[in-house]
Amino acid sequence: MSKVISKDGTSIAYSKTGNGSTVIIVDGALCSRAFGPTSKLAPLLANNFSVVNYDRRGRNESGDTTPYSVEREIEDIEALINETGSSAYIIGFSSGAALAFRAVASGLPIKKLAMYEAPYVMNMGGHNPPADTAAQLKQLIASGQRAAAIKFFMKDMVGLPGIIPFIMSLTPMWKKLKAVAHTIPYDAAILDGFTIPTALAAKINIPTLVLNGSKSPVSLKNASKKLAEAIPHAQSKSLEGQTHDVSMKAIAPELINFFKN
């Protein structure tokens, strides 16, 4: 594990494996190098690239500095690029895809962008998150209700049945989720109302691959389609048999092909 200091002084922990051009992996909500699926992606890419997997601020071994802003998370990615090479490819998952998208739009030296199911789901069919999602999350975290914030995320934001967070609360996983619950408002801020930021999309002038799973909710599939249409010259592909919890073995060949060619 290594660390880099972001512009505001926050320490960002990361792991680097492999050789070649740098690929930065950006996790979605609640995930980190120690918890989540993307730790399995790095070894699948390492024969072709130098892979950077990092803990987003507030998670696992990275620090956190208040007040939060999306710009600070973009600066974290900038610090990683500066530390590991002069430019990078980037792949983001879920809300991490939205963060990677915003990093590219900000002008960071990123050569190619891959996104898996950025949840710009408002009015895309199916479940819609509450309009005051960000405010509700901030209130829950400010009052110390971490478990309630996780339940709100799963049930109200994502649209899972209420039984799912109840079952998860009975498992050892719940403690890990509670430890990073304060970062859920960060993801809500990145998504900014869960609608596609078309003005930012128009600024994307690098090769972009927008991926989704064929078995994902209709809202996520529609969001991916609309996002690809909004980004100039973006490619779009649906991975057969995949859901929002995509298999790293299924997505790795797509990423290798996209970044290498």
Protein backbone atom coordinates (compact mmCIF):
# COMPACT_ATOMS: atom_id res chain seq x y z
CA MET A 1 0.00 0.00 0.00
CA SER A 2 1.20 3.51 -0.88
CA LYS A 3 -0.16 6.96 -0.14
CA VAL A 4 -0.33 10.24 -2.02
CA ILE A 5 -1.25 13.64 -0.59
CA SER A 6 -4.12 15.38 -2.36
CA LYS A 7 -4.21 19.16 -2.90
CA ASP A 8 -6.14 19.83 0.33
CA GLY A 9 -3.70 17.73 2.39
CA THR A 10 -5.82 14.56 2.52
CA SER A 11 -3.88 11.30 2.44
CA ILE A 12 -5.14 8.93 -0.27
CA ALA A 13 -4.18 5.25 0.00
CA TYR A 14 -3.65 3.17 -3.13
CA SER A 15 -2.20 -0.06 -4.45
CA LYS A 16 -0.36 -0.36 -7.75
CA THR A 17 0.20 -3.59 -9.66
CA GLY A 18 1.44 -4.53 -13.11
CA ASN A 19 3.36 -2.61 -15.75
CA GLY A 20 2.54 -0.34 -18.65
CA SER A 21 0.13 2.53 -19.10
CA THR A 22 -1.72 3.52 -15.94
CA VAL A 23 -5.34 2.47 -15.39
CA ILE A 24 -7.12 4.01 -12.39
CA ILE A 25 -10.10 2.12 -10.92
CA VAL A 26 -12.80 4.24 -9.26
CA ASP A 27 -15.11 2.43 -6.83
CA GLY A 28 -18.81 3.01 -6.31
CA ALA A 29 -20.66 3.77 -3.07
CA LEU A 30 -19.42 2.12 0.15
CA CYS A 31 -16.63 0.19 -1.61
CA SER A 32 -12.87 0.34 -1.15
CA ARG A 33 -9.74 -1.72 -1.79
CA ALA A 34 -10.62 -3.79 1.29
CA PHE A 35 -14.32 -4.19 0.60
CA GLY A 36 -15.97 -4.54 -2.77
CA PRO A 37 -15.54 -6.22 -6.14
CA THR A 38 -12.88 -4.10 -7.84
CA SER A 39 -9.95 -5.61 -5.93
CA LYS A 40 -10.53 -8.62 -8.19
CA LEU A 41 -10.16 -6.48 -11.32
CA ALA A 42 -6.58 -5.29 -10.76
CA PRO A 43 -4.90 -8.71 -11.23
CA LEU A 44 -6.96 -9.31 -14.38
CA LEU A 45 -5.59 -6.11 -15.94
CA ALA A 46 -2.06 -6.22 -14.52
CA ASN A 47 -0.54 -8.18 -17.41
CA ASN A 48 -1.38 -5.30 -19.72
CA PHE A 49 -1.37 -2.17 -17.56
CA SER A 50 -0.09 -0.56 -14.40
CA VAL A 51 -3.29 -0.71 -12.33
CA VAL A 52 -4.05 1.77 -9.55
CA ASN A 53 -6.79 0.77 -7.11
CA TYR A 54 -7.37 3.39 -4.42
CA ASP A 55 -9.51 4.13 -1.39
CA ARG A 56 -11.75 7.07 -2.07
CA ARG A 57 -11.56 9.71 0.68
CA GLY A 58 -13.24 8.72 3.91
CA ARG A 59 -12.85 5.00 3.21
CA ASN A 60 -10.54 2.30 4.53
CA GLU A 61 -6.98 3.72 4.74
CA SER A 62 -7.57 7.10 3.11
CA GLY A 63 -8.09 10.26 5.11
CA ASP A 64 -11.03 12.64 5.00
CA THR A 65 -11.11 16.42 5.21
CA THR A 66 -14.21 18.50 5.77
CA PRO A 67 -16.08 20.16 4.27
CA TYR A 68 -16.57 17.69 1.43
CA SER A 69 -16.83 18.77 -2.19
CA VAL A 70 -16.81 16.85 -5.46
CA GLU A 71 -13.87 18.97 -6.59
CA ARG A 72 -11.75 17.50 -3.79
CA GLU A 73 -12.44 13.97 -5.06
CA ILE A 74 -11.40 15.06 -8.54
CA GLU A 75 -8.20 16.44 -7.02
CA ASP A 76 -7.60 13.01 -5.44
CA ILE A 77 -7.63 11.45 -8.92
CA GLU A 78 -5.35 14.22 -10.18
CA ALA A 79 -2.88 13.46 -7.37
CA LEU A 80 -2.90 9.77 -8.29
CA ILE A 81 -2.22 10.57 -11.95
CA ASN A 82 0.64 12.89 -11.03
CA GLU A 83 2.11 10.26 -8.70
CA THR A 84 1.89 7.27 -11.04
CA GLY A 85 2.37 8.80 -14.50
CA SER A 86 1.67 11.87 -16.61
CA SER A 87 -1.68 10.55 -17.83
CA ALA A 88 -4.02 7.60 -17.31
CA TYR A 89 -6.92 5.53 -18.49
CA ILE A 90 -9.82 5.40 -16.05
CA ILE A 91 -12.66 2.98 -15.29
CA GLY A 92 -15.47 3.85 -12.88
CA PHE A 93 -18.24 1.70 -11.45
CA SER A 94 -21.69 3.00 -10.47
CA SER A 95 -21.29 6.36 -8.68
CA GLY A 96 -17.55 5.92 -9.27
CA ALA A 97 -18.32 6.05 -12.99
CA ALA A 98 -20.00 9.40 -12.43
CA LEU A 99 -16.91 10.61 -10.54
CA ALA A 100 -14.59 9.42 -13.32
CA PHE A 101 -16.86 11.16 -15.84
CA ARG A 102 -16.61 14.42 -13.90
CA ALA A 103 -12.85 14.06 -13.60
CA VAL A 104 -12.57 13.81 -17.39
CA ALA A 105 -14.90 16.77 -17.90
CA SER A 106 -12.73 18.84 -15.54
CA GLY A 107 -9.81 18.47 -17.94
CA LEU A 108 -7.56 15.98 -16.14
CA PRO A 109 -4.99 14.23 -18.38
CA ILE A 110 -7.07 11.10 -18.97
CA LYS A 111 -6.65 9.32 -22.30
CA LYS A 112 -9.71 7.05 -22.29
CA LEU A 113 -12.81 6.76 -20.09
CA ALA A 114 -14.77 3.57 -19.36
CA MET A 115 -17.98 3.71 -17.30
CA TYR A 116 -20.10 0.91 -15.89
CA GLU A 117 -23.69 1.87 -15.06
CA ALA A 118 -23.41 5.38 -13.71
CA PRO A 119 -26.78 5.61 -11.88
CA TYR A 120 -28.25 8.66 -13.59
CA VAL A 121 -31.61 6.96 -13.12
CA MET A 122 -34.05 9.82 -12.47
CA ASN A 123 -36.96 9.51 -14.91
CA MET A 124 -35.35 6.59 -16.73
CA GLY A 125 -38.10 4.10 -15.87
CA GLY A 126 -38.38 2.01 -12.73
CA HIS A 127 -37.38 3.34 -9.32
CA ASN A 128 -36.58 7.05 -8.78
CA PRO A 129 -34.57 8.21 -5.74
CA PRO A 130 -36.25 10.90 -3.60
CA ALA A 131 -35.72 14.44 -4.84
CA ASP A 132 -34.30 15.42 -1.44
CA THR A 133 -31.92 12.46 -1.22
CA ALA A 134 -28.85 14.58 -0.46
CA ALA A 135 -30.60 16.50 2.32
CA GLN A 136 -31.98 13.35 3.96
CA LEU A 137 -28.58 11.66 3.92
CA LYS A 138 -26.83 14.67 5.44
CA GLN A 139 -29.39 14.79 8.23
CA LEU A 140 -29.04 11.09 9.00
CA ILE A 141 -25.24 11.25 9.12
CA ALA A 142 -25.21 14.49 11.13
CA SER A 143 -27.43 12.85 13.76
CA GLY A 144 -25.22 9.75 13.96
CA GLN A 145 -27.75 7.42 12.31
CA ARG A 146 -25.30 5.43 10.20
CA ALA A 147 -27.43 2.28 10.02
CA ALA A 148 -30.44 4.33 8.95
CA ALA A 149 -28.34 6.00 6.25
CA ILE A 150 -27.35 2.62 4.84
CA LYS A 151 -30.97 1.45 4.84
CA PHE A 152 -32.00 4.70 3.12
CA PHE A 153 -29.29 4.15 0.51
CA MET A 154 -30.37 0.59 -0.23
CA LYS A 155 -34.13 1.04 -0.06
CA ASP A 156 -34.82 4.62 -1.09
CA MET A 157 -31.86 5.43 -3.35
CA VAL A 158 -31.23 2.06 -5.01
CA GLY A 159 -34.75 0.65 -4.72
CA LEU A 160 -33.97 -2.68 -3.08
CA PRO A 161 -36.73 -4.43 -1.10
CA GLY A 162 -36.69 -3.51 2.59
CA ILE A 163 -35.87 -7.08 3.56
CA ILE A 164 -32.41 -6.80 1.96
CA PRO A 165 -30.90 -4.24 4.39
CA PHE A 166 -32.56 -6.11 7.26
CA ILE A 167 -30.87 -9.37 6.26
CA MET A 168 -27.53 -7.61 5.70
CA SER A 169 -27.76 -5.99 9.13
CA LEU A 170 -27.52 -9.49 10.61
CA THR A 171 -24.21 -10.25 8.86
CA PRO A 172 -20.59 -9.24 9.62
CA MET A 173 -20.73 -7.07 6.48
CA TRP A 174 -22.95 -4.54 8.27
CA LYS A 175 -20.12 -3.30 10.49
CA LYS A 176 -17.98 -2.57 7.43
CA LEU A 177 -20.83 -0.70 5.76
CA LYS A 178 -21.47 1.41 8.85
CA ALA A 179 -17.79 2.37 8.96
CA VAL A 180 -18.11 4.18 5.60
CA ALA A 181 -21.77 5.26 5.81
CA HIS A 182 -20.69 8.90 6.16
CA THR A 183 -19.45 8.79 2.56
CA ILE A 184 -22.87 8.02 1.05
CA PRO A 185 -23.69 11.77 0.88
CA TYR A 186 -20.49 12.17 -1.16
CA ASP A 187 -21.90 9.87 -3.85
CA ALA A 188 -25.22 11.71 -3.79
CA ALA A 189 -23.34 14.98 -4.35
CA ILE A 190 -21.47 13.49 -7.30
CA LEU A 191 -24.72 12.32 -8.89
CA ASP A 192 -26.36 15.72 -8.26
CA GLY A 193 -30.02 14.79 -8.61
CA PHE A 194 -29.40 11.53 -10.51
CA THR A 195 -29.95 13.15 -13.92
CA ILE A 196 -27.48 13.01 -16.82
CA PRO A 197 -25.36 16.20 -16.82
CA THR A 198 -25.65 16.82 -20.53
CA ALA A 199 -23.55 20.00 -20.45
CA LEU A 200 -20.65 18.04 -18.95
CA ALA A 201 -21.22 15.17 -21.37
CA ALA A 202 -20.73 17.54 -24.29
CA LYS A 203 -17.24 18.36 -22.95
CA ILE A 204 -16.02 14.76 -23.14
CA ASN A 205 -13.65 14.69 -26.10
CA ILE A 206 -11.73 11.48 -25.43
CA PRO A 207 -12.64 7.90 -26.41
CA THR A 208 -15.39 6.72 -24.05
CA LEU A 209 -16.94 3.30 -23.45
CA VAL A 210 -20.29 3.14 -21.65
CA LEU A 211 -21.13 -0.34 -20.37
CA ASN A 212 -24.17 -1.89 -18.74
CA GLY A 213 -25.46 -5.34 -17.83
CA SER A 214 -28.22 -7.01 -19.84
CA LYS A 215 -29.92 -8.13 -16.61
CA SER A 216 -29.67 -4.79 -14.81
CA PRO A 217 -32.78 -2.73 -13.96
CA VAL A 218 -34.35 -0.91 -16.89
CA SER A 219 -33.48 2.46 -15.35
CA LEU A 220 -29.75 1.67 -15.39
CA LYS A 221 -29.86 0.33 -18.93
CA ASN A 222 -31.77 3.39 -20.14
CA ALA A 223 -29.38 5.69 -18.30
CA SER A 224 -26.38 4.05 -19.96
CA LYS A 225 -27.98 4.37 -23.39
CA LYS A 226 -28.86 8.04 -22.89
CA LEU A 227 -25.44 8.85 -21.44
CA ALA A 228 -23.67 7.27 -24.41
CA GLU A 229 -25.86 9.34 -26.73
CA ALA A 230 -24.96 12.53 -24.83
CA ILE A 231 -21.17 11.97 -25.01
CA PRO A 232 -19.73 12.75 -28.46
CA HIS A 233 -18.63 9.57 -30.28
CA ALA A 234 -19.03 7.32 -27.22
CA GLN A 235 -19.25 3.56 -27.64
CA SER A 236 -21.98 1.65 -25.84
CA LYS A 237 -22.15 -2.05 -25.02
CA SER A 238 -24.36 -4.31 -22.91
CA LEU A 239 -22.66 -7.25 -21.21
CA GLU A 240 -24.77 -10.36 -21.61
CA GLY A 241 -26.01 -11.89 -18.37
CA GLN A 242 -24.52 -9.20 -16.13
CA THR A 243 -26.21 -7.11 -13.44
CA HIS A 244 -25.16 -3.95 -11.60
CA ASP A 245 -22.87 -6.22 -9.58
CA VAL A 246 -20.82 -7.02 -12.66
CA SER A 247 -18.36 -9.90 -12.76
CA MET A 248 -14.80 -8.61 -13.00
CA LYS A 249 -13.97 -11.58 -15.23
CA ALA A 250 -16.72 -10.48 -17.61
CA ILE A 251 -15.69 -6.84 -17.81
CA ALA A 252 -11.90 -7.23 -17.85
CA PRO A 253 -11.62 -8.36 -21.52
CA GLU A 254 -13.78 -5.41 -22.60
CA LEU A 255 -11.54 -2.98 -20.76
CA ILE A 256 -8.32 -4.52 -22.07
CA ASN A 257 -9.61 -4.32 -25.64
CA PHE A 258 -10.84 -0.75 -25.23
CA PHE A 259 -7.75 0.66 -23.53
CA LYS A 260 -5.24 -1.12 -25.79
CA ASN A 261 -6.87 -0.33 -29.16
